[in-house]
């Protein structure tokens, strides 16, 4: 056994990366979606290299789809999301540039700059998509269209994110 200390979560992270790389090598991996609001945290060159490295060996084209909304509504929605995980407000959200409720988190120019360096960005205007009467109050039709994936048959309201 190595005497080098591994950071907490190193094994789980390594296993996840290995599983993702195995999946990317399968014939069924021609088109897939990886989604997380936490991708908005990614800003520095080291994070960019990790994302690019995950797909580079398989020569997979990355097309970032960014769903952007008005700053005030985005802040409110993000704060609501965090409160769901910590209703008593016991968690620290960080300080200064590490504060996940800070202005840096909502800097759409920085987010666009980061993802534009990885691939051709497609932007979904959340507010316009929700206002579209054909969408019936759902962001999903706009996201599916941006990803060039057909909407599943049936009700477009597969999931409605409501505020607490």
N, C-alpha and C. Protein backbone atom coordinates (compact mmCIF):
# COMPACT_ATOMS: atom_id res chain seq x y z
N UNK A 1 0.84 -1.17 0.00
CA UNK A 1 0.00 0.00 0.00
C UNK A 1 0.88 1.24 0.00
N UNK A 2 0.49 2.22 -0.80
CA UNK A 2 1.25 3.45 -0.92
C UNK A 2 1.20 4.25 0.38
N UNK A 3 2.32 4.90 0.68
CA UNK A 3 2.35 5.74 1.86
C UNK A 3 1.89 7.16 1.53
N UNK A 4 1.59 7.42 0.25
CA UNK A 4 1.10 8.74 -0.13
C UNK A 4 -0.35 8.86 0.29
N UNK A 5 -0.66 9.94 0.95
CA UNK A 5 -2.04 10.16 1.39
C UNK A 5 -2.90 10.58 0.22
N UNK A 6 -4.08 10.05 0.15
CA UNK A 6 -5.05 10.42 -0.89
C UNK A 6 -6.08 11.35 -0.26
N UNK A 7 -6.49 12.37 -0.98
CA UNK A 7 -7.49 13.29 -0.41
C UNK A 7 -8.82 12.57 -0.20
N UNK A 8 -9.65 13.06 0.72
CA UNK A 8 -10.95 12.44 0.93
C UNK A 8 -11.76 12.43 -0.36
N UNK A 9 -12.41 11.33 -0.62
CA UNK A 9 -13.23 11.21 -1.83
C UNK A 9 -12.46 10.85 -3.08
N UNK A 10 -11.14 10.67 -2.96
CA UNK A 10 -10.31 10.39 -4.14
C UNK A 10 -10.73 9.10 -4.82
N UNK A 11 -10.98 8.05 -4.04
CA UNK A 11 -11.36 6.77 -4.61
C UNK A 11 -12.70 6.85 -5.33
N UNK A 12 -13.68 7.50 -4.72
CA UNK A 12 -14.99 7.64 -5.34
C UNK A 12 -14.89 8.47 -6.62
N UNK A 13 -14.11 9.54 -6.58
CA UNK A 13 -13.91 10.38 -7.76
C UNK A 13 -13.26 9.56 -8.89
N UNK A 14 -12.20 8.84 -8.56
CA UNK A 14 -11.49 8.04 -9.56
C UNK A 14 -12.39 6.98 -10.17
N UNK A 15 -13.21 6.36 -9.33
CA UNK A 15 -14.14 5.34 -9.83
C UNK A 15 -15.17 5.97 -10.77
N UNK A 16 -15.69 7.14 -10.42
CA UNK A 16 -16.67 7.82 -11.28
C UNK A 16 -16.06 8.18 -12.63
N UNK A 17 -14.85 8.71 -12.61
CA UNK A 17 -14.18 9.08 -13.86
C UNK A 17 -13.95 7.83 -14.71
N UNK A 18 -13.52 6.74 -14.10
CA UNK A 18 -13.30 5.50 -14.84
C UNK A 18 -14.59 4.99 -15.46
N UNK A 19 -15.69 5.04 -14.71
CA UNK A 19 -16.98 4.60 -15.24
C UNK A 19 -17.42 5.48 -16.40
N UNK A 20 -17.23 6.78 -16.28
CA UNK A 20 -17.59 7.70 -17.35
C UNK A 20 -16.76 7.42 -18.60
N UNK A 21 -15.48 7.19 -18.44
CA UNK A 21 -14.62 6.90 -19.60
C UNK A 21 -15.01 5.59 -20.26
N UNK A 22 -15.38 4.58 -19.46
CA UNK A 22 -15.85 3.31 -20.04
C UNK A 22 -17.11 3.55 -20.87
N UNK A 23 -18.04 4.34 -20.32
CA UNK A 23 -19.27 4.64 -21.04
C UNK A 23 -18.96 5.37 -22.35
N UNK A 24 -18.04 6.33 -22.31
CA UNK A 24 -17.72 7.11 -23.50
C UNK A 24 -17.12 6.27 -24.62
N UNK A 25 -16.60 5.12 -24.28
CA UNK A 25 -16.02 4.23 -25.28
C UNK A 25 -17.04 3.30 -25.92
N UNK A 26 -18.26 3.28 -25.42
CA UNK A 26 -19.28 2.39 -25.96
C UNK A 26 -19.94 3.00 -27.18
N UNK A 27 -20.44 2.16 -28.09
CA UNK A 27 -21.10 2.68 -29.29
C UNK A 27 -22.34 3.54 -28.97
N UNK A 28 -23.00 3.28 -27.86
CA UNK A 28 -24.19 4.04 -27.50
C UNK A 28 -23.91 5.44 -27.02
N UNK A 29 -22.65 5.81 -26.90
CA UNK A 29 -22.28 7.12 -26.35
C UNK A 29 -22.14 8.19 -27.43
N UNK A 30 -22.81 8.01 -28.55
CA UNK A 30 -22.69 8.98 -29.63
C UNK A 30 -23.28 10.34 -29.26
N UNK A 31 -24.35 10.34 -28.47
CA UNK A 31 -24.96 11.59 -28.04
C UNK A 31 -25.51 11.37 -26.64
N UNK A 32 -25.09 12.20 -25.71
CA UNK A 32 -25.57 12.07 -24.35
C UNK A 32 -25.50 13.43 -23.69
N UNK A 33 -26.17 13.54 -22.56
CA UNK A 33 -26.27 14.81 -21.84
C UNK A 33 -25.69 14.65 -20.44
N UNK A 34 -24.86 15.60 -20.07
CA UNK A 34 -24.38 15.68 -18.69
C UNK A 34 -24.87 17.04 -18.19
N UNK A 35 -25.62 17.02 -17.11
CA UNK A 35 -26.25 18.25 -16.66
C UNK A 35 -26.06 18.45 -15.17
N UNK A 36 -25.74 19.69 -14.80
CA UNK A 36 -25.67 20.05 -13.38
C UNK A 36 -25.53 21.56 -13.28
N UNK A 37 -26.31 22.16 -12.40
CA UNK A 37 -26.16 23.60 -12.19
C UNK A 37 -24.78 23.90 -11.63
N UNK A 38 -24.19 22.94 -10.96
CA UNK A 38 -22.86 23.15 -10.38
C UNK A 38 -21.80 23.40 -11.45
N UNK A 39 -22.07 23.08 -12.71
CA UNK A 39 -21.11 23.41 -13.76
C UNK A 39 -20.91 24.93 -13.85
N UNK A 40 -21.84 25.70 -13.29
CA UNK A 40 -21.68 27.15 -13.27
C UNK A 40 -20.51 27.57 -12.38
N UNK A 41 -20.08 26.69 -11.48
CA UNK A 41 -18.94 27.00 -10.62
C UNK A 41 -17.63 26.98 -11.40
N UNK A 42 -17.56 26.21 -12.47
CA UNK A 42 -16.30 26.03 -13.20
C UNK A 42 -15.87 27.33 -13.85
N UNK A 43 -14.65 27.76 -13.55
CA UNK A 43 -14.16 29.03 -14.10
C UNK A 43 -12.67 29.03 -14.42
N UNK A 44 -11.87 28.19 -13.76
CA UNK A 44 -10.43 28.36 -13.94
C UNK A 44 -9.85 27.35 -14.93
N UNK A 45 -8.63 27.61 -15.42
CA UNK A 45 -8.01 26.75 -16.43
C UNK A 45 -7.86 25.29 -15.98
N UNK A 46 -7.61 25.07 -14.70
CA UNK A 46 -7.48 23.69 -14.21
C UNK A 46 -8.79 22.93 -14.35
N UNK A 47 -9.89 23.59 -14.06
CA UNK A 47 -11.20 22.95 -14.21
C UNK A 47 -11.49 22.68 -15.69
N UNK A 48 -11.12 23.62 -16.54
CA UNK A 48 -11.32 23.44 -17.99
C UNK A 48 -10.53 22.23 -18.48
N UNK A 49 -9.29 22.10 -18.04
CA UNK A 49 -8.46 20.96 -18.47
C UNK A 49 -9.08 19.64 -18.04
N UNK A 50 -9.65 19.59 -16.83
CA UNK A 50 -10.27 18.35 -16.37
C UNK A 50 -11.48 17.98 -17.23
N UNK A 51 -12.29 18.96 -17.57
CA UNK A 51 -13.47 18.70 -18.41
C UNK A 51 -13.02 18.25 -19.80
N UNK A 52 -12.08 18.97 -20.39
CA UNK A 52 -11.59 18.61 -21.72
C UNK A 52 -10.92 17.25 -21.71
N UNK A 53 -10.19 16.95 -20.65
CA UNK A 53 -9.49 15.67 -20.54
C UNK A 53 -10.43 14.49 -20.49
N UNK A 54 -11.59 14.68 -19.91
CA UNK A 54 -12.56 13.60 -19.82
C UNK A 54 -13.02 13.15 -21.20
N UNK A 55 -13.12 14.09 -22.14
CA UNK A 55 -13.66 13.78 -23.46
C UNK A 55 -12.60 13.67 -24.55
N UNK A 56 -11.39 14.12 -24.29
CA UNK A 56 -10.36 14.21 -25.33
C UNK A 56 -9.99 12.86 -25.93
N UNK A 57 -9.79 11.86 -25.10
CA UNK A 57 -9.33 10.56 -25.61
C UNK A 57 -10.35 9.92 -26.53
N UNK A 58 -11.61 10.20 -26.29
CA UNK A 58 -12.67 9.62 -27.10
C UNK A 58 -13.04 10.52 -28.28
N UNK A 59 -12.37 11.66 -28.41
CA UNK A 59 -12.63 12.62 -29.47
C UNK A 59 -14.11 12.97 -29.55
N UNK A 60 -14.69 13.29 -28.42
CA UNK A 60 -16.10 13.63 -28.34
C UNK A 60 -16.24 15.15 -28.44
N UNK A 61 -17.15 15.57 -29.29
CA UNK A 61 -17.42 16.99 -29.45
C UNK A 61 -18.34 17.43 -28.31
N UNK A 62 -17.91 18.44 -27.58
CA UNK A 62 -18.69 18.96 -26.46
C UNK A 62 -19.43 20.21 -26.94
N UNK A 63 -20.74 20.21 -26.74
CA UNK A 63 -21.56 21.37 -27.08
C UNK A 63 -22.25 21.83 -25.80
N UNK A 64 -21.68 22.84 -25.14
CA UNK A 64 -22.31 23.33 -23.91
C UNK A 64 -23.65 24.02 -24.21
N UNK A 65 -24.65 23.68 -23.43
CA UNK A 65 -25.95 24.34 -23.50
C UNK A 65 -26.14 25.07 -22.18
N UNK A 66 -26.21 26.39 -22.25
CA UNK A 66 -26.36 27.19 -21.05
C UNK A 66 -27.78 27.73 -20.98
N UNK A 67 -28.40 27.50 -19.87
CA UNK A 67 -29.74 28.02 -19.63
C UNK A 67 -29.58 29.21 -18.69
N UNK A 68 -29.77 30.40 -19.25
CA UNK A 68 -29.54 31.62 -18.48
C UNK A 68 -30.87 32.32 -18.20
N UNK A 69 -30.96 32.91 -17.03
CA UNK A 69 -32.16 33.65 -16.66
C UNK A 69 -31.79 34.98 -16.03
N UNK A 70 -32.78 35.83 -15.82
CA UNK A 70 -32.50 37.15 -15.25
C UNK A 70 -31.81 36.97 -13.89
N UNK A 71 -30.89 37.87 -13.60
CA UNK A 71 -30.06 37.75 -12.40
C UNK A 71 -30.83 37.61 -11.10
N UNK A 72 -31.84 38.44 -10.88
CA UNK A 72 -32.59 38.39 -9.63
C UNK A 72 -33.34 37.08 -9.45
N UNK A 73 -33.99 36.62 -10.51
CA UNK A 73 -34.72 35.35 -10.44
C UNK A 73 -33.76 34.17 -10.26
N UNK A 74 -32.61 34.24 -10.93
CA UNK A 74 -31.62 33.18 -10.80
C UNK A 74 -31.13 33.11 -9.36
N UNK A 75 -30.80 34.26 -8.80
CA UNK A 75 -30.34 34.29 -7.40
C UNK A 75 -31.38 33.70 -6.46
N UNK A 76 -32.63 34.10 -6.66
CA UNK A 76 -33.71 33.63 -5.80
C UNK A 76 -33.89 32.10 -5.93
N UNK A 77 -33.86 31.62 -7.15
CA UNK A 77 -34.02 30.19 -7.39
C UNK A 77 -32.87 29.39 -6.77
N UNK A 78 -31.63 29.89 -6.94
CA UNK A 78 -30.45 29.22 -6.39
C UNK A 78 -30.51 29.20 -4.87
N UNK A 79 -30.90 30.32 -4.26
CA UNK A 79 -31.02 30.39 -2.80
C UNK A 79 -32.10 29.42 -2.32
N UNK A 80 -33.22 29.33 -3.05
CA UNK A 80 -34.28 28.37 -2.70
C UNK A 80 -33.74 26.94 -2.74
N UNK A 81 -32.98 26.65 -3.78
CA UNK A 81 -32.40 25.31 -3.92
C UNK A 81 -31.50 24.99 -2.72
N UNK A 82 -30.65 25.93 -2.35
CA UNK A 82 -29.75 25.71 -1.21
C UNK A 82 -30.53 25.54 0.09
N UNK A 83 -31.60 26.30 0.25
CA UNK A 83 -32.43 26.18 1.47
C UNK A 83 -33.09 24.80 1.57
N UNK A 84 -33.38 24.20 0.44
CA UNK A 84 -33.97 22.85 0.47
C UNK A 84 -33.02 21.85 1.11
N UNK A 85 -31.72 22.04 0.89
CA UNK A 85 -30.72 21.14 1.44
C UNK A 85 -30.35 21.50 2.87
N UNK A 86 -30.64 22.75 3.25
CA UNK A 86 -30.26 23.23 4.57
C UNK A 86 -31.33 24.18 5.09
N UNK A 87 -32.53 23.65 5.42
CA UNK A 87 -33.64 24.53 5.80
C UNK A 87 -33.37 25.36 7.05
N UNK A 88 -32.51 24.90 7.94
CA UNK A 88 -32.22 25.66 9.16
C UNK A 88 -31.13 26.70 8.95
N UNK A 89 -30.50 26.71 7.78
CA UNK A 89 -29.45 27.70 7.51
C UNK A 89 -28.19 27.48 8.29
N UNK A 90 -27.84 26.25 8.56
CA UNK A 90 -26.63 25.94 9.36
C UNK A 90 -25.36 25.92 8.52
N UNK A 91 -25.50 25.70 7.22
CA UNK A 91 -24.33 25.60 6.35
C UNK A 91 -23.73 26.97 6.08
N UNK A 92 -22.44 27.02 5.94
CA UNK A 92 -21.77 28.23 5.49
C UNK A 92 -21.71 28.16 3.97
N UNK A 93 -22.01 29.25 3.32
CA UNK A 93 -21.96 29.28 1.86
C UNK A 93 -20.63 29.83 1.36
N UNK A 94 -19.65 29.90 2.24
CA UNK A 94 -18.33 30.37 1.86
C UNK A 94 -18.17 31.85 2.10
N UNK A 95 -16.95 32.33 1.81
CA UNK A 95 -16.65 33.75 2.01
C UNK A 95 -16.02 34.31 0.74
N UNK A 96 -16.25 35.58 0.52
CA UNK A 96 -15.65 36.30 -0.60
C UNK A 96 -15.86 35.57 -1.91
N UNK A 97 -14.76 35.24 -2.61
CA UNK A 97 -14.89 34.60 -3.93
C UNK A 97 -15.25 33.12 -3.83
N UNK A 98 -15.30 32.57 -2.63
CA UNK A 98 -15.73 31.18 -2.46
C UNK A 98 -17.21 31.09 -2.06
N UNK A 99 -17.87 32.22 -1.92
CA UNK A 99 -19.27 32.24 -1.50
C UNK A 99 -20.16 31.86 -2.69
N UNK A 100 -20.86 30.74 -2.55
CA UNK A 100 -21.70 30.27 -3.67
C UNK A 100 -22.98 31.07 -3.83
N UNK A 101 -23.14 32.10 -3.01
CA UNK A 101 -24.24 33.06 -3.20
C UNK A 101 -23.69 34.42 -3.63
N UNK A 102 -22.38 34.49 -3.87
CA UNK A 102 -21.74 35.76 -4.22
C UNK A 102 -21.96 36.15 -5.67
N UNK A 103 -21.63 37.40 -5.97
CA UNK A 103 -21.81 37.92 -7.33
C UNK A 103 -21.07 37.10 -8.38
N UNK A 104 -19.89 36.57 -8.04
CA UNK A 104 -19.09 35.82 -9.01
C UNK A 104 -19.88 34.65 -9.58
N UNK A 105 -20.73 34.02 -8.75
CA UNK A 105 -21.47 32.83 -9.19
C UNK A 105 -22.41 33.17 -10.34
N UNK A 106 -22.95 34.38 -10.34
CA UNK A 106 -23.96 34.79 -11.32
C UNK A 106 -23.36 35.60 -12.47
N UNK A 107 -22.07 35.54 -12.64
CA UNK A 107 -21.36 36.29 -13.69
C UNK A 107 -21.49 35.54 -15.02
N UNK A 108 -22.53 35.87 -15.78
CA UNK A 108 -22.79 35.13 -17.02
C UNK A 108 -21.67 35.31 -18.03
N UNK A 109 -21.01 36.46 -18.04
CA UNK A 109 -19.90 36.66 -18.98
C UNK A 109 -18.77 35.67 -18.69
N UNK A 110 -18.45 35.48 -17.42
CA UNK A 110 -17.39 34.53 -17.05
C UNK A 110 -17.80 33.10 -17.41
N UNK A 111 -19.06 32.78 -17.19
CA UNK A 111 -19.55 31.44 -17.53
C UNK A 111 -19.47 31.22 -19.03
N UNK A 112 -19.92 32.20 -19.82
CA UNK A 112 -19.85 32.10 -21.28
C UNK A 112 -18.41 31.98 -21.76
N UNK A 113 -17.52 32.76 -21.18
CA UNK A 113 -16.12 32.71 -21.57
C UNK A 113 -15.53 31.32 -21.30
N UNK A 114 -15.82 30.77 -20.13
CA UNK A 114 -15.30 29.46 -19.76
C UNK A 114 -15.78 28.39 -20.74
N UNK A 115 -17.10 28.31 -20.97
CA UNK A 115 -17.65 27.24 -21.79
C UNK A 115 -17.39 27.45 -23.28
N UNK A 116 -17.23 28.69 -23.72
CA UNK A 116 -16.92 28.95 -25.13
C UNK A 116 -15.56 28.39 -25.50
N UNK A 117 -14.67 28.31 -24.55
CA UNK A 117 -13.34 27.74 -24.81
C UNK A 117 -13.41 26.22 -24.94
N UNK A 118 -14.49 25.61 -24.50
CA UNK A 118 -14.63 24.15 -24.55
C UNK A 118 -15.39 23.70 -25.80
N UNK A 119 -16.37 24.47 -26.21
CA UNK A 119 -17.16 24.10 -27.38
C UNK A 119 -18.11 25.20 -27.78
N UNK A 120 -18.78 25.02 -28.93
CA UNK A 120 -19.73 26.05 -29.40
C UNK A 120 -20.95 26.10 -28.49
N UNK A 121 -21.12 27.21 -27.81
CA UNK A 121 -22.16 27.36 -26.79
C UNK A 121 -23.53 27.61 -27.43
N UNK A 122 -24.52 26.92 -26.91
CA UNK A 122 -25.92 27.18 -27.26
C UNK A 122 -26.57 27.76 -26.01
N UNK A 123 -27.24 28.88 -26.18
CA UNK A 123 -27.84 29.56 -25.03
C UNK A 123 -29.36 29.44 -25.09
N UNK A 124 -29.93 29.06 -23.96
CA UNK A 124 -31.38 29.03 -23.80
C UNK A 124 -31.73 30.18 -22.85
N UNK A 125 -32.59 31.07 -23.30
CA UNK A 125 -33.07 32.16 -22.48
C UNK A 125 -34.24 31.62 -21.65
N UNK A 126 -33.98 31.37 -20.38
CA UNK A 126 -34.98 30.77 -19.50
C UNK A 126 -36.27 31.57 -19.48
N UNK A 127 -36.15 32.88 -19.29
CA UNK A 127 -37.33 33.74 -19.17
C UNK A 127 -38.18 33.70 -20.43
N UNK A 128 -37.54 33.79 -21.60
CA UNK A 128 -38.28 33.74 -22.86
C UNK A 128 -38.91 32.37 -23.08
N UNK A 129 -38.18 31.32 -22.72
CA UNK A 129 -38.70 29.96 -22.91
C UNK A 129 -39.92 29.70 -22.04
N UNK A 130 -39.88 30.15 -20.80
CA UNK A 130 -41.00 29.96 -19.88
C UNK A 130 -42.21 30.78 -20.34
N UNK A 131 -41.95 31.96 -20.92
CA UNK A 131 -43.03 32.83 -21.36
C UNK A 131 -43.70 32.33 -22.65
N UNK A 132 -43.03 31.45 -23.38
CA UNK A 132 -43.60 30.93 -24.63
C UNK A 132 -44.85 30.12 -24.32
N UNK A 133 -46.02 30.54 -24.84
CA UNK A 133 -47.27 29.83 -24.51
C UNK A 133 -47.27 28.37 -24.95
N UNK A 134 -46.49 28.02 -25.97
CA UNK A 134 -46.42 26.62 -26.43
C UNK A 134 -45.70 25.73 -25.43
N UNK A 135 -44.89 26.34 -24.53
CA UNK A 135 -44.11 25.56 -23.57
C UNK A 135 -44.91 25.21 -22.32
N UNK A 136 -46.05 25.82 -22.15
CA UNK A 136 -46.91 25.54 -21.00
C UNK A 136 -46.17 25.70 -19.68
N UNK A 137 -45.31 26.74 -19.60
CA UNK A 137 -44.61 27.02 -18.36
C UNK A 137 -43.42 26.12 -18.07
N UNK A 138 -42.96 25.36 -19.04
CA UNK A 138 -41.85 24.42 -18.83
C UNK A 138 -40.63 24.85 -19.63
N UNK A 139 -39.46 24.70 -19.05
CA UNK A 139 -38.19 24.98 -19.74
C UNK A 139 -37.78 23.82 -20.64
N UNK A 140 -38.37 22.65 -20.41
CA UNK A 140 -37.93 21.44 -21.11
C UNK A 140 -38.00 21.52 -22.63
N UNK A 141 -39.07 22.03 -23.24
CA UNK A 141 -39.06 22.09 -24.72
C UNK A 141 -37.87 22.88 -25.27
N UNK A 142 -37.52 24.00 -24.64
CA UNK A 142 -36.39 24.79 -25.11
C UNK A 142 -35.07 24.05 -24.92
N UNK A 143 -34.93 23.35 -23.80
CA UNK A 143 -33.69 22.58 -23.57
C UNK A 143 -33.57 21.44 -24.56
N UNK A 144 -34.64 20.70 -24.77
CA UNK A 144 -34.61 19.61 -25.76
C UNK A 144 -34.26 20.15 -27.14
N UNK A 145 -34.86 21.28 -27.53
CA UNK A 145 -34.57 21.87 -28.84
C UNK A 145 -33.10 22.27 -28.94
N UNK A 146 -32.54 22.87 -27.89
CA UNK A 146 -31.13 23.27 -27.90
C UNK A 146 -30.21 22.06 -28.03
N UNK A 147 -30.65 20.93 -27.47
CA UNK A 147 -29.84 19.71 -27.53
C UNK A 147 -30.13 18.88 -28.78
N UNK A 148 -31.08 19.37 -29.59
CA UNK A 148 -31.48 18.67 -30.82
C UNK A 148 -31.96 17.26 -30.51
N UNK A 149 -32.78 17.16 -29.46
CA UNK A 149 -33.38 15.90 -29.05
C UNK A 149 -34.89 16.09 -29.09
N UNK A 150 -35.60 15.11 -29.64
CA UNK A 150 -37.05 15.20 -29.70
C UNK A 150 -37.64 15.11 -28.29
N UNK A 151 -38.61 15.96 -28.02
CA UNK A 151 -39.33 15.91 -26.73
C UNK A 151 -40.05 14.58 -26.64
N UNK A 152 -40.01 13.95 -25.48
CA UNK A 152 -40.76 12.70 -25.32
C UNK A 152 -42.26 12.96 -25.53
N UNK A 153 -42.94 11.97 -26.06
CA UNK A 153 -44.38 12.10 -26.28
C UNK A 153 -45.10 12.24 -24.94
N UNK A 154 -46.20 12.93 -24.95
CA UNK A 154 -46.97 13.08 -23.73
C UNK A 154 -46.83 14.47 -23.15
N UNK A 155 -47.05 14.57 -21.90
CA UNK A 155 -47.07 15.85 -21.21
C UNK A 155 -45.69 16.48 -21.15
N UNK A 156 -45.59 17.74 -21.58
CA UNK A 156 -44.32 18.46 -21.57
C UNK A 156 -43.91 18.83 -20.15
N UNK A 157 -44.83 18.77 -19.20
CA UNK A 157 -44.52 19.15 -17.83
C UNK A 157 -44.00 17.94 -17.05
N UNK A 158 -42.89 17.40 -17.51
CA UNK A 158 -42.31 16.24 -16.84
C UNK A 158 -41.87 16.58 -15.43
N UNK A 159 -41.41 17.81 -15.25
CA UNK A 159 -40.97 18.24 -13.93
C UNK A 159 -41.07 19.75 -13.89
N UNK A 160 -41.71 20.25 -12.88
CA UNK A 160 -41.84 21.68 -12.69
C UNK A 160 -41.14 22.05 -11.41
N UNK A 161 -40.10 22.86 -11.50
CA UNK A 161 -39.35 23.29 -10.34
C UNK A 161 -40.08 24.45 -9.68
N UNK A 162 -40.70 24.18 -8.56
CA UNK A 162 -41.45 25.23 -7.88
C UNK A 162 -40.64 25.74 -6.69
N UNK A 163 -40.88 26.96 -6.32
CA UNK A 163 -40.18 27.55 -5.17
C UNK A 163 -40.81 27.06 -3.88
N UNK A 164 -40.00 27.03 -2.81
CA UNK A 164 -40.53 26.64 -1.50
C UNK A 164 -41.18 27.82 -0.84
